[in-house]
Amino acid sequence: MVSPDNVEQSLRNLSISSMDGHPGSNGSGSDIEENKNLKWTLPLKELYKMACAFYKEKSGKAIHLSYEDNLKLIAFTQQAAHGPLDPSKAPQLGMFDVIGKDRRIAWQHLGTITKLQAMEGFIDLLDRLCPQFKPYVEAIKKDREEKARQAQVEEARRIEQVEKEQEKLVEMKRIEDEKNREEIQRRQLQDALNQQTYHQFKDYAEKQFPGNPEQQAVLIRQLQNEHYHQYMQQLQAQVSSNYSQIRATSVESEPAEVDGNAANEQHSGFQVDQSNSVKENSQLEYKEQCDSDDESGEYAVINPANMWTKPDVKLFKQEVTSGKGDGVIRVGHGDTVTVRVPTHEGGSSLFWEFATDNYDIGFGVYFEWGKPMTTEVSVHISESDEDDDTLEDDDVVCTDDLECGGQQQHKPQYNGGGSSSALANRNPISIIVPIYRRECQTEVYAGSHSYPGEGTYLLKFDNSYSLWRSKTLYYKVFYTR
């Protein structure tokens, strides 16, 4: 049997060590309860529950404690549950209840320490007696942290998914609004034309179906619709013709005048005079498309494109690599890749997305007017190193591509107001997005452009400025109706 004096001395030493640094050891434990409620970065009460569970589960199995140590631990649990021992309120022990007397003596020797101090004393003693206890707590903490991290990841994914859905809805709304705006503009133009031609078409319909207002109305609508389509075709043809005149006469010493009036139309034998507002709109469109963007008047300016970026570069590359995109291209150092995308007769807008692996790349968009010879998307690569060698000869120029990526011919000699047949036969090209370098290794660059008419989009990926580095390009192009 353990001597009561030894138990008393051990508990007194333990209680003193557990109360080191506690200003409330004199019985006022309110400060301790307020200021020391964490231990091992965990709430003290929660850690105490873990310690009790560990003690009950492992005692006699994974850990084997002496009788004196068990007395100390049980005394701390009694103090934590009931506070200091009050002998007057404690039940009487039997004459032969030696263990009960030892436990009560151990409890009594804890003195007036608070419940929180008793919890902390139990934890410290268990940690000192059982080296497995602290790793057990750390494992529980790591498990909780991992669950919390997984919850945060899931919440971030959910938020990201919601944001993507919102972005998709915003983009769909923007496209729908753009289509509605274009439709409103088309109707306004068609209404203006209908007002100018109504009386002439009405006279013609009355002659064709005298006394039949229904048939007259049907014929008037057919004539007006056909007239509108003819007007739009002639407008585009006039733009191309005027642009060709600018290019053909740009080498002359005197500037040439460009007639931008396309006001008079003929349909079914009728001469139609357009209103002043339609003339002004037509002239404005010609001016916007025929103004030069550089000194030589090589490119016409048309409506700007919509541009934006997306952060999910890794996901985009996976989609393209798995075949959901148009492809992966290796753009060599000093090279320029041109992706030619013809307009689709069932489409109204072109969309593009692209990214690279580790470095930026130059990007620009051009539009080549004229009916496409094919509906297939094609890729052309121009090797700037060869082009530079060729351009050293003053008598050689490039005519196939904007970045001199294809065939070459001798520079024509101009005599007075003469023009080049190669320039005259070449389709006009408009600048939509000028080429400049994009940080597409960190974000997905995307954009869209509404069809200005029939033609071919030229998506330029320029690596000509890079002397040593090749770039891996991931891209997608598609159209919308």
Protein backbone atom coordinates (compact mmCIF):
# COMPACT_ATOMS: atom_id res chain seq x y z
CA MET A 1 0.00 0.00 0.00
CA VAL A 2 1.23 3.49 -0.85
CA SER A 3 1.94 5.72 2.07
CA PRO A 4 -0.48 8.66 2.37
CA ASP A 5 2.45 10.92 3.09
CA ASN A 6 4.09 9.99 -0.22
CA VAL A 7 0.83 10.51 -2.16
CA GLU A 8 0.30 13.82 -0.42
CA GLN A 9 3.82 15.03 -1.25
CA SER A 10 3.54 13.92 -4.90
CA LEU A 11 0.20 15.63 -5.42
CA ARG A 12 1.44 18.77 -3.72
CA ASN A 13 4.45 18.89 -6.08
CA LEU A 14 2.19 18.22 -9.09
CA SER A 15 -0.33 20.89 -8.12
CA ILE A 16 2.45 23.43 -7.57
CA SER A 17 4.05 22.63 -10.96
CA SER A 18 0.68 22.78 -12.73
CA MET A 19 -0.03 26.18 -11.21
CA ASP A 20 3.29 27.77 -12.21
CA GLY A 21 2.63 31.06 -13.95
CA HIS A 22 -1.04 31.18 -12.88
CA PRO A 23 -1.93 34.33 -10.96
CA GLY A 24 -5.08 32.60 -9.71
CA SER A 25 -3.32 29.97 -7.64
CA ASN A 26 -4.44 31.72 -4.53
CA GLY A 27 -8.00 30.68 -5.24
CA SER A 28 -9.08 33.42 -7.68
CA GLY A 29 -9.21 31.41 -10.95
CA SER A 30 -11.28 33.88 -12.95
CA ASP A 31 -8.15 35.33 -14.58
CA ILE A 32 -7.03 31.87 -15.62
CA GLU A 33 -10.42 31.08 -17.08
CA GLU A 34 -10.32 34.30 -19.09
CA ASN A 35 -6.70 34.30 -20.26
CA LYS A 36 -5.64 30.67 -20.48
CA ASN A 37 -8.37 28.84 -22.35
CA LEU A 38 -6.10 27.44 -25.10
CA LYS A 39 -3.50 24.69 -24.94
CA TRP A 40 -1.60 23.21 -27.86
CA THR A 41 -3.66 25.59 -30.07
CA LEU A 42 -6.83 23.80 -28.95
CA PRO A 43 -9.54 24.88 -26.50
CA LEU A 44 -8.61 23.55 -23.03
CA LYS A 45 -11.95 21.83 -22.42
CA GLU A 46 -11.86 20.12 -25.80
CA LEU A 47 -8.28 18.95 -25.21
CA TYR A 48 -9.28 17.67 -21.75
CA LYS A 49 -12.06 15.58 -23.30
CA MET A 50 -9.52 14.09 -25.73
CA ALA A 51 -7.21 13.30 -22.80
CA CYS A 52 -9.98 11.57 -20.83
CA ALA A 53 -11.01 9.53 -23.88
CA PHE A 54 -7.39 8.56 -24.53
CA TYR A 55 -6.89 7.56 -20.86
CA LYS A 56 -10.03 5.40 -20.75
CA GLU A 57 -9.27 3.76 -24.10
CA LYS A 58 -5.55 3.07 -23.62
CA SER A 59 -5.26 2.47 -19.85
CA GLY A 60 -4.28 -1.14 -19.21
CA LYS A 61 -3.84 -1.78 -22.98
CA ALA A 62 -1.35 0.48 -24.73
CA ILE A 63 -0.22 2.22 -21.54
CA HIS A 64 0.47 0.82 -18.07
CA LEU A 65 0.59 3.30 -15.19
CA SER A 66 1.54 2.80 -11.56
CA TYR A 67 -1.00 2.95 -8.76
CA GLU A 68 0.28 6.35 -7.62
CA ASP A 69 0.00 7.81 -11.16
CA ASN A 70 -3.57 6.56 -11.50
CA LEU A 71 -4.41 8.18 -8.15
CA LYS A 72 -3.06 11.50 -9.38
CA LEU A 73 -4.99 11.35 -12.67
CA ILE A 74 -8.24 10.37 -10.94
CA ALA A 75 -7.78 13.18 -8.42
CA PHE A 76 -7.48 15.69 -11.26
CA THR A 77 -10.66 14.37 -12.90
CA GLN A 78 -12.57 14.70 -9.59
CA GLN A 79 -11.28 18.26 -9.12
CA ALA A 80 -12.18 19.14 -12.76
CA ALA A 81 -15.70 17.72 -12.34
CA HIS A 82 -16.64 18.86 -8.82
CA GLY A 83 -14.07 21.42 -7.72
CA PRO A 84 -12.15 21.28 -4.40
CA LEU A 85 -13.06 18.48 -2.00
CA ASP A 86 -15.50 19.42 0.80
CA PRO A 87 -15.19 16.65 3.46
CA SER A 88 -18.44 17.75 5.09
CA LYS A 89 -20.39 17.02 1.92
CA ALA A 90 -18.49 13.94 0.85
CA PRO A 91 -20.19 10.60 1.52
CA GLN A 92 -18.81 8.31 4.22
CA LEU A 93 -16.38 5.62 3.09
CA GLY A 94 -16.48 2.04 4.27
CA MET A 95 -14.01 0.77 6.79
CA PHE A 96 -12.32 -1.49 4.25
CA ASP A 97 -12.47 0.92 1.25
CA VAL A 98 -8.71 1.53 1.10
CA ILE A 99 -8.69 2.62 -2.55
CA GLY A 100 -11.48 5.09 -1.94
CA LYS A 101 -9.56 6.59 0.98
CA ASP A 102 -6.39 6.88 -1.16
CA ARG A 103 -8.30 8.63 -3.93
CA ARG A 104 -9.95 11.01 -1.49
CA ILE A 105 -6.58 11.86 0.08
CA ALA A 106 -5.12 12.53 -3.39
CA TRP A 107 -8.11 14.71 -4.28
CA GLN A 108 -7.90 16.61 -1.00
CA HIS A 109 -4.22 17.40 -1.56
CA LEU A 110 -5.04 19.27 -4.78
CA GLY A 111 -6.24 22.06 -2.57
CA THR A 112 -8.23 24.94 -4.07
CA ILE A 113 -7.04 24.86 -7.67
CA THR A 114 -9.79 25.66 -10.17
CA LYS A 115 -11.48 23.25 -12.54
CA LEU A 116 -9.52 24.62 -15.50
CA GLN A 117 -6.25 24.20 -13.58
CA ALA A 118 -7.24 20.63 -12.77
CA MET A 119 -7.96 19.96 -16.48
CA GLU A 120 -4.57 21.36 -17.42
CA GLY A 121 -2.87 19.36 -14.67
CA PHE A 122 -4.49 16.16 -15.95
CA ILE A 123 -3.31 16.92 -19.52
CA ASP A 124 0.25 17.73 -18.44
CA LEU A 125 0.52 14.65 -16.25
CA LEU A 126 -0.88 12.37 -18.95
CA ASP A 127 1.51 13.88 -21.50
CA ARG A 128 4.45 13.27 -19.18
CA LEU A 129 3.42 9.71 -18.37
CA CYS A 130 2.27 8.70 -21.90
CA PRO A 131 4.49 9.89 -24.80
CA GLN A 132 1.84 8.58 -27.24
CA PHE A 133 -0.73 11.14 -26.10
CA LYS A 134 0.62 14.23 -27.90
CA PRO A 135 1.01 12.45 -31.30
CA TYR A 136 -2.57 11.23 -30.81
CA VAL A 137 -3.74 14.85 -30.40
CA GLU A 138 -1.63 16.01 -33.37
CA ALA A 139 -3.18 13.32 -35.55
CA ILE A 140 -6.66 14.51 -34.59
CA LYS A 141 -5.70 18.12 -35.33
CA LYS A 142 -4.28 17.21 -38.74
CA ASP A 143 -7.41 15.27 -39.59
CA ARG A 144 -9.57 18.24 -38.67
CA GLU A 145 -7.36 20.64 -40.61
CA GLU A 146 -7.51 18.38 -43.66
CA LYS A 147 -11.29 18.23 -43.45
CA ALA A 148 -11.44 22.01 -43.07
CA ARG A 149 -9.12 22.41 -46.06
CA GLN A 150 -11.23 20.06 -48.15
CA ALA A 151 -14.31 22.02 -47.17
CA GLN A 152 -12.61 25.24 -48.24
CA VAL A 153 -11.57 23.69 -51.55
CA GLU A 154 -15.11 22.47 -52.19
CA GLU A 155 -16.47 25.89 -51.32
CA ALA A 156 -13.96 27.56 -53.64
CA ARG A 157 -14.94 25.17 -56.42
CA ARG A 158 -18.58 25.89 -55.83
CA ILE A 159 -17.97 29.64 -55.90
CA GLU A 160 -15.86 29.29 -59.04
CA GLN A 161 -18.59 27.25 -60.71
CA VAL A 162 -21.17 29.85 -59.79
CA GLU A 163 -18.93 32.60 -61.15
CA LYS A 164 -18.42 30.68 -64.39
CA GLU A 165 -22.16 30.21 -64.76
CA GLN A 166 -22.67 33.92 -64.11
CA GLU A 167 -19.97 34.82 -66.66
CA LYS A 168 -21.60 32.49 -69.16
CA LEU A 169 -24.99 34.08 -68.57
CA VAL A 170 -23.47 37.56 -68.91
CA GLU A 171 -21.74 36.56 -72.14
CA MET A 172 -24.93 35.02 -73.52
CA LYS A 173 -26.84 38.17 -72.58
CA ARG A 174 -24.17 40.33 -74.22
CA ILE A 175 -24.35 38.29 -77.42
CA GLU A 176 -28.13 38.42 -77.34
CA ASP A 177 -28.07 42.18 -76.79
CA GLU A 178 -25.61 42.59 -79.64
CA LYS A 179 -27.85 40.54 -81.92
CA ASN A 180 -30.87 42.58 -80.86
CA ARG A 181 -28.99 45.81 -81.51
CA GLU A 182 -27.96 44.60 -84.94
CA GLU A 183 -31.51 43.53 -85.64
CA ILE A 184 -32.82 46.95 -84.59
CA GLN A 185 -30.30 48.68 -86.85
CA ARG A 186 -31.26 46.38 -89.72
CA ARG A 187 -34.95 47.11 -89.21
CA GLN A 188 -34.33 50.85 -89.03
CA LEU A 189 -32.41 50.75 -92.31
CA GLN A 190 -35.04 48.54 -93.93
CA ASP A 191 -37.86 50.82 -92.72
CA ALA A 192 -36.06 53.83 -94.18
CA LEU A 193 -35.73 52.05 -97.54
CA ASN A 194 -39.35 50.88 -97.42
CA GLN A 195 -40.59 54.43 -96.86
CA GLN A 196 -38.73 55.62 -99.94
CA THR A 197 -39.92 52.82 -102.22
CA TYR A 198 -43.44 52.20 -100.93
CA HIS A 199 -45.35 54.43 -103.35
CA GLN A 200 -43.41 53.21 -106.40
CA PHE A 201 -43.90 49.57 -105.44
CA LYS A 202 -47.56 50.26 -104.63
CA ASP A 203 -48.16 51.69 -108.12
CA TYR A 204 -46.49 48.68 -109.64
CA ALA A 205 -48.52 46.23 -107.51
CA GLU A 206 -51.79 47.94 -108.43
CA LYS A 207 -50.97 47.44 -112.08
CA GLN A 208 -50.13 43.77 -111.53
CA PHE A 209 -53.14 42.93 -109.31
CA PRO A 210 -55.85 45.54 -109.87
CA GLY A 211 -58.64 45.40 -107.31
CA ASN A 212 -56.87 42.82 -105.11
CA PRO A 213 -55.36 44.56 -102.03
CA GLU A 214 -54.14 41.31 -100.44
CA GLN A 215 -52.08 40.27 -103.43
CA GLN A 216 -50.82 43.85 -103.77
CA ALA A 217 -49.59 43.82 -100.15
CA VAL A 218 -47.83 40.48 -100.64
CA LEU A 219 -46.07 41.73 -103.78
CA ILE A 220 -45.03 45.00 -102.09
CA ARG A 221 -43.43 43.08 -99.22
CA GLN A 222 -41.59 40.79 -101.62
CA LEU A 223 -40.29 43.74 -103.64
CA GLN A 224 -39.19 45.58 -100.49
CA ASN A 225 -37.34 42.56 -99.10
CA GLU A 226 -35.59 41.92 -102.39
CA HIS A 227 -34.69 45.58 -102.69
CA TYR A 228 -33.18 45.58 -99.18
CA HIS A 229 -30.97 42.57 -99.94
CA GLN A 230 -29.85 44.12 -103.23
CA TYR A 231 -29.03 47.34 -101.41
CA MET A 232 -26.83 45.53 -98.84
CA GLN A 233 -25.03 43.56 -101.57
CA GLN A 234 -24.36 46.72 -103.56
CA LEU A 235 -23.19 48.47 -100.40
CA GLN A 236 -20.60 45.76 -99.74
CA ALA A 237 -19.58 45.70 -103.40
CA GLN A 238 -19.17 49.48 -103.34
CA VAL A 239 -16.95 49.25 -100.26
CA SER A 240 -14.73 46.67 -101.98
CA SER A 241 -14.65 48.73 -105.20
CA ASN A 242 -13.77 51.96 -103.43
CA TYR A 243 -11.07 50.25 -101.44
CA SER A 244 -9.58 48.75 -104.60
CA GLN A 245 -9.53 52.24 -106.15
CA ILE A 246 -7.66 53.59 -103.14
CA ARG A 247 -5.04 50.88 -103.37
CA ALA A 248 -4.73 51.14 -107.14
CA THR A 249 -4.26 54.92 -107.03
CA SER A 250 -2.10 55.13 -103.89
CA VAL A 251 1.07 55.15 -106.06
CA GLU A 252 -0.04 58.15 -108.11
CA SER A 253 1.34 61.59 -107.36
CA GLU A 254 -2.10 63.17 -107.06
CA PRO A 255 -4.72 61.86 -104.63
CA ALA A 256 -7.78 60.27 -106.16
CA GLU A 257 -11.34 61.08 -105.16
CA VAL A 258 -13.48 58.26 -103.78
CA ASP A 259 -17.15 58.40 -104.60
CA GLY A 260 -18.95 57.11 -101.53
CA ASN A 261 -22.52 57.68 -102.78
CA ALA A 262 -24.52 54.53 -103.34
CA ALA A 263 -27.89 56.20 -103.12
CA ASN A 264 -29.52 55.23 -106.41
CA GLU A 265 -30.85 51.69 -106.78
CA GLN A 266 -32.83 49.95 -109.57
CA HIS A 267 -35.35 47.21 -108.99
CA SER A 268 -37.95 45.76 -111.41
CA GLY A 269 -37.63 48.74 -113.75
CA PHE A 270 -38.00 51.35 -110.97
CA GLN A 271 -35.38 54.04 -110.22
CA VAL A 272 -35.28 54.42 -106.42
CA ASP A 273 -33.98 57.66 -104.87
CA GLN A 274 -32.63 57.10 -101.36
CA SER A 275 -33.29 59.61 -98.59
CA ASN A 276 -30.60 61.93 -97.29
CA SER A 277 -30.34 59.95 -94.06
CA VAL A 278 -29.63 56.69 -95.92
CA LYS A 279 -27.02 58.50 -98.04
CA GLU A 280 -25.30 59.85 -94.96
CA ASN A 281 -25.29 56.43 -93.32
CA SER A 282 -23.85 54.83 -96.44
CA GLN A 283 -21.17 57.49 -96.78
CA LEU A 284 -20.27 57.11 -93.11
CA GLU A 285 -19.88 53.34 -93.53
CA TYR A 286 -17.68 53.86 -96.60
CA LYS A 287 -15.55 56.37 -94.73
CA GLU A 288 -15.07 54.08 -91.73
CA GLN A 289 -14.08 51.17 -93.92
CA CYS A 290 -11.94 53.12 -96.39
CA ASP A 291 -9.93 55.26 -93.95
CA SER A 292 -6.32 54.09 -93.90
CA ASP A 293 -4.67 52.85 -90.75
CA ASP A 294 -1.14 53.46 -92.02
CA GLU A 295 0.64 55.76 -94.43
CA SER A 296 0.14 53.62 -97.52
CA GLY A 297 -3.58 53.08 -96.99
CA GLU A 298 -3.06 49.30 -96.93
CA TYR A 299 -5.72 48.39 -94.33
CA ALA A 300 -9.23 49.67 -93.79
CA VAL A 301 -10.66 50.03 -90.27
CA ILE A 302 -13.93 48.27 -89.35
CA ASN A 303 -15.89 47.78 -86.15
CA PRO A 304 -13.72 46.85 -83.14
CA ALA A 305 -13.68 43.40 -81.57
CA ASN A 306 -14.70 42.44 -78.05
CA MET A 307 -11.77 41.18 -75.97
CA TRP A 308 -11.59 39.56 -72.52
CA THR A 309 -9.52 37.06 -70.53
CA LYS A 310 -10.25 33.93 -68.49
CA PRO A 311 -8.13 32.58 -65.60
CA ASP A 312 -8.56 28.82 -66.13
CA VAL A 313 -5.47 28.30 -68.33
CA LYS A 314 -4.82 24.71 -67.19
CA LEU A 315 -8.40 23.58 -67.85
CA PHE A 316 -8.39 25.28 -71.27
CA LYS A 317 -5.16 23.51 -72.29
CA GLN A 318 -6.58 20.16 -71.17
CA GLU A 319 -9.72 20.72 -73.28
CA VAL A 320 -7.70 21.66 -76.36
CA THR A 321 -5.26 18.78 -75.90
CA SER A 322 -8.08 16.27 -75.46
CA GLY A 323 -9.55 17.27 -78.82
CA LYS A 324 -12.28 19.70 -77.75
CA GLY A 325 -10.39 22.61 -79.31
CA ASP A 326 -8.98 23.24 -82.75
CA GLY A 327 -5.43 22.30 -82.02
CA VAL A 328 -1.98 22.74 -80.59
CA ILE A 329 0.66 24.47 -82.73
CA ARG A 330 4.38 24.82 -82.19
CA VAL A 331 5.28 28.37 -83.25
CA GLY A 332 8.99 28.43 -83.99
CA HIS A 333 11.29 31.27 -83.01
CA GLY A 334 11.04 34.05 -85.55
CA ASP A 335 7.87 32.57 -87.11
CA THR A 336 4.36 33.92 -87.58
CA VAL A 337 1.36 31.57 -87.74
CA THR A 338 -1.78 32.71 -89.57
CA VAL A 339 -5.03 30.85 -88.90
CA ARG A 340 -7.45 31.58 -91.75
CA VAL A 341 -11.11 31.25 -90.70
CA PRO A 342 -13.69 31.82 -93.48
CA THR A 343 -17.06 33.32 -92.58
CA HIS A 344 -19.86 30.78 -92.36
CA GLU A 345 -23.10 31.45 -94.18
CA GLY A 346 -25.04 30.28 -91.12
CA GLY A 347 -23.00 32.34 -88.67
CA SER A 348 -23.04 35.92 -87.46
CA SER A 349 -19.99 36.19 -85.16
CA LEU A 350 -16.52 34.67 -84.78
CA PHE A 351 -15.11 33.69 -81.38
CA TRP A 352 -11.51 32.81 -80.53
CA GLU A 353 -9.59 31.66 -77.44
CA PHE A 354 -5.86 30.98 -77.07
CA ALA A 355 -3.07 30.46 -74.54
CA THR A 356 0.60 29.45 -74.45
CA ASP A 357 2.73 27.38 -72.08
CA ASN A 358 5.45 29.60 -70.65
CA TYR A 359 5.90 32.77 -72.70
CA ASP A 360 3.88 35.54 -74.31
CA ILE A 361 3.13 35.82 -78.03
CA GLY A 362 1.99 38.54 -80.40
CA PHE A 363 -1.63 38.40 -81.56
CA GLY A 364 -3.78 40.33 -84.01
CA VAL A 365 -6.91 39.89 -86.12
CA TYR A 366 -7.43 40.97 -89.75
CA PHE A 367 -10.32 40.55 -92.17
CA GLU A 368 -9.86 39.76 -95.86
CA TRP A 369 -12.87 40.89 -97.88
CA GLY A 370 -14.32 38.73 -100.62
CA LYS A 371 -16.23 35.48 -100.87
CA PRO A 372 -14.12 32.66 -99.37
CA MET A 373 -12.93 29.97 -101.75
CA THR A 374 -13.36 27.33 -99.04
CA THR A 375 -15.16 26.85 -95.74
CA GLU A 376 -12.26 25.02 -94.09
CA VAL A 377 -10.06 26.57 -91.41
CA SER A 378 -6.40 26.49 -92.49
CA VAL A 379 -3.08 27.26 -90.81
CA HIS A 380 -0.17 28.99 -92.57
CA ILE A 381 3.32 29.44 -91.12
CA SER A 382 5.70 32.12 -92.34
CA GLU A 383 9.38 31.70 -91.53
CA SER A 384 10.68 35.16 -90.83
CA ASP A 385 14.32 34.09 -91.09
CA GLU A 386 13.85 33.22 -94.76
CA ASP A 387 11.76 36.35 -95.32
CA ASP A 388 14.47 38.55 -93.86
CA ASP A 389 17.04 37.04 -96.19
CA THR A 390 14.73 37.61 -99.13
CA LEU A 391 13.93 41.19 -98.21
CA GLU A 392 17.59 42.09 -98.28
CA ASP A 393 17.19 42.27 -102.05
CA ASP A 394 15.56 45.62 -102.92
CA ASP A 395 13.94 44.16 -106.03
CA VAL A 396 11.91 41.51 -104.16
CA VAL A 397 8.70 42.04 -102.18
CA CYS A 398 6.19 39.68 -100.52
CA THR A 399 2.59 39.57 -101.68
CA ASP A 400 1.06 36.47 -100.14
CA ASP A 401 0.65 37.43 -96.48
CA LEU A 402 0.70 40.40 -94.15
CA GLU A 403 3.93 39.21 -92.51
CA CYS A 404 5.56 38.23 -95.85
CA GLY A 405 4.87 34.58 -95.26
CA GLY A 406 4.51 33.20 -98.73
CA GLN A 407 5.34 33.74 -102.39
CA GLN A 408 7.61 36.55 -103.59
CA GLN A 409 7.79 38.53 -106.77
CA HIS A 410 9.92 41.30 -108.20
CA LYS A 411 8.99 44.79 -107.12
CA PRO A 412 6.97 46.46 -109.91
CA GLN A 413 8.27 49.59 -111.56
CA TYR A 414 5.72 52.42 -111.54
CA ASN A 415 5.62 54.86 -114.40
CA GLY A 416 3.61 57.96 -113.66
CA GLY A 417 0.12 56.91 -112.56
CA GLY A 418 0.51 53.21 -113.34
CA SER A 419 -0.68 50.54 -110.82
CA SER A 420 0.39 47.00 -109.94
CA SER A 421 -1.76 44.18 -111.26
CA ALA A 422 -0.86 42.09 -108.19
CA LEU A 423 -2.14 44.81 -105.88
CA ALA A 424 -5.28 45.25 -107.95
CA ASN A 425 -6.09 41.54 -107.84
CA ARG A 426 -5.48 41.19 -104.12
CA ASN A 427 -8.55 41.23 -101.84
CA PRO A 428 -8.76 44.24 -99.48
CA ILE A 429 -7.77 43.56 -95.86
CA SER A 430 -9.06 45.42 -92.80
CA ILE A 431 -7.43 45.65 -89.37
CA ILE A 432 -9.71 44.48 -86.55
CA VAL A 433 -7.13 44.00 -83.75
CA PRO A 434 -3.54 45.26 -84.27
CA ILE A 435 -0.76 42.83 -83.42
CA TYR A 436 0.86 43.24 -80.04
CA ARG A 437 2.21 40.88 -77.40
CA ARG A 438 -0.23 39.18 -75.01
CA GLU A 439 0.57 37.60 -71.62
CA CYS A 440 -1.35 34.49 -72.62
CA GLN A 441 0.81 32.15 -70.54
CA THR A 442 -1.02 33.33 -67.39
CA GLU A 443 -4.55 33.89 -68.76
CA VAL A 444 -6.71 32.62 -71.60
CA TYR A 445 -7.17 35.45 -74.10
CA ALA A 446 -10.57 35.41 -75.79
CA GLY A 447 -12.56 37.65 -78.09
CA SER A 448 -15.34 37.88 -80.62
CA HIS A 449 -16.23 39.91 -83.69
CA SER A 450 -19.47 40.27 -85.62
CA TYR A 451 -19.23 39.40 -89.30
CA PRO A 452 -18.85 42.62 -91.34
CA GLY A 453 -19.69 40.65 -94.48
CA GLU A 454 -18.32 37.76 -96.51
CA GLY A 455 -14.62 37.17 -96.17
CA THR A 456 -11.88 35.40 -94.24
CA TYR A 457 -10.61 36.21 -90.74
CA LEU A 458 -6.82 36.13 -90.36
CA LEU A 459 -5.77 35.31 -86.79
CA LYS A 460 -2.07 36.23 -86.50
CA PHE A 461 0.16 34.62 -83.84
CA ASP A 462 3.45 36.49 -84.10
CA ASN A 463 6.69 35.10 -82.64
CA SER A 464 8.95 37.01 -85.01
CA TYR A 465 10.40 39.07 -82.17
CA SER A 466 11.77 35.96 -80.42
CA LEU A 467 15.25 34.97 -81.58
CA TRP A 468 15.60 31.78 -79.52
CA ARG A 469 12.32 30.65 -77.96
CA SER A 470 9.65 28.62 -79.69
CA LYS A 471 6.11 28.81 -78.25
CA THR A 472 3.45 26.11 -77.81
CA LEU A 473 0.09 27.61 -78.80
CA TYR A 474 -3.33 26.24 -77.78
CA TYR A 475 -6.27 27.75 -79.65
CA LYS A 476 -10.01 27.39 -80.38
CA VAL A 477 -12.12 29.18 -83.00
CA PHE A 478 -15.86 28.87 -83.54
CA TYR A 479 -18.81 30.84 -84.86
CA THR A 480 -22.30 31.59 -83.51
CA ARG A 481 -25.53 31.92 -85.38
